[in-house]
Amino acid sequence: LLSDILREQSVLHADETSYRVLESDTDLTYFWTFLSGKNEEQGIILYHHNQRRNGQVAKEVLGDFKGYLHCDMWSAYRSLDE
């Protein structure tokens, strides 16, 4: 899986953005984007859709990632282990 390969990278970039879904039970939903660093041999971009914007989503995708995470410090990312 792409998420497994991403976890092996030394540097990742992450961001999430909301969007409105027409004719849906929820007003907002979120796309999370995870990218490998520019110096990686093969670039990876992973788009993850979720109705939540909390730390549990970041943990589900990044799991035991041990590298550097470049992000905007939204509180969801603070829930990750250092």
Protein backbone atom coordinates (compact mmCIF):
# COMPACT_ATOMS: atom_id res chain seq x y z
CA LEU A 1 0.00 0.00 0.00
CA LEU A 2 1.12 3.56 -0.62
CA SER A 3 0.69 4.46 3.05
CA ASP A 4 3.18 1.72 3.98
CA ILE A 5 5.74 3.08 1.51
CA LEU A 6 5.18 6.63 2.74
CA ARG A 7 5.90 5.59 6.34
CA GLU A 8 9.38 4.48 5.24
CA GLN A 9 10.29 7.94 3.88
CA SER A 10 12.53 10.30 5.84
CA VAL A 11 10.46 13.44 5.13
CA LEU A 12 6.73 13.84 4.52
CA HIS A 13 4.48 16.80 3.85
CA ALA A 14 0.88 16.75 5.03
CA ASP A 15 -2.17 18.98 4.79
CA GLU A 16 -5.92 18.66 4.91
CA THR A 17 -8.65 20.75 3.38
CA SER A 18 -12.40 20.83 3.69
CA TYR A 19 -14.95 20.83 0.93
CA ARG A 20 -18.70 20.84 0.71
CA VAL A 21 -20.57 17.87 -0.69
CA LEU A 22 -23.87 18.56 -2.40
CA GLU A 23 -26.80 16.35 -1.46
CA SER A 24 -25.01 14.84 1.52
CA ASP A 25 -25.92 14.24 5.15
CA THR A 26 -22.81 16.13 6.23
CA ASP A 27 -21.98 19.70 5.33
CA LEU A 28 -18.20 19.28 5.29
CA THR A 29 -15.82 16.48 4.50
CA TYR A 30 -12.03 16.49 4.22
CA PHE A 31 -9.30 15.51 1.84
CA TRP A 32 -5.99 14.79 3.51
CA THR A 33 -2.88 14.95 1.34
CA PHE A 34 0.40 13.23 2.20
CA LEU A 35 3.46 13.71 -0.01
CA SER A 36 6.95 12.28 0.03
CA GLY A 37 9.89 14.70 0.19
CA LYS A 38 11.31 16.14 -3.03
CA ASN A 39 14.59 14.24 -2.65
CA GLU A 40 13.00 10.79 -2.58
CA GLU A 41 13.81 8.48 -5.47
CA GLN A 42 10.16 8.06 -6.34
CA GLY A 43 7.62 10.73 -5.45
CA ILE A 44 4.37 9.66 -3.83
CA ILE A 45 1.19 11.66 -3.32
CA LEU A 46 -1.52 9.99 -1.25
CA TYR A 47 -5.00 11.50 -1.11
CA HIS A 48 -7.10 10.28 1.79
CA HIS A 49 -10.78 11.14 2.15
CA ASN A 50 -12.35 11.26 5.60
CA GLN A 51 -15.28 12.98 7.27
CA ARG A 52 -13.11 13.79 10.28
CA ARG A 53 -10.36 16.34 10.78
CA ASN A 54 -8.73 15.05 13.94
CA GLY A 55 -5.62 13.29 15.13
CA GLN A 56 -7.09 9.85 14.69
CA VAL A 57 -7.04 10.28 10.91
CA ALA A 58 -3.36 11.27 10.93
CA LYS A 59 -2.58 8.26 13.12
CA GLU A 60 -4.51 5.91 10.84
CA VAL A 61 -2.60 7.04 7.76
CA LEU A 62 0.87 7.68 9.21
CA GLY A 63 0.87 5.00 11.90
CA ASP A 64 4.43 4.46 13.14
CA PHE A 65 6.09 7.06 10.86
CA LYS A 66 9.45 8.07 12.40
CA GLY A 67 10.70 10.73 9.98
CA TYR A 68 10.18 14.47 9.75
CA LEU A 69 6.67 15.73 9.07
CA HIS A 70 6.32 19.13 7.44
CA CYS A 71 2.83 20.43 8.26
CA ASP A 72 0.94 23.51 9.41
CA MET A 73 0.80 22.34 13.04
CA TRP A 74 -2.94 21.81 13.05
CA SER A 75 -3.68 20.11 16.38
CA ALA A 76 -4.39 16.81 14.61
CA TYR A 77 -0.69 16.41 13.86
CA ARG A 78 0.32 17.00 17.48
CA SER A 79 -1.28 13.69 18.39
CA LEU A 80 1.45 11.83 16.50
CA ASP A 81 4.37 10.40 18.44
CA GLU A 82 7.51 12.50 18.26
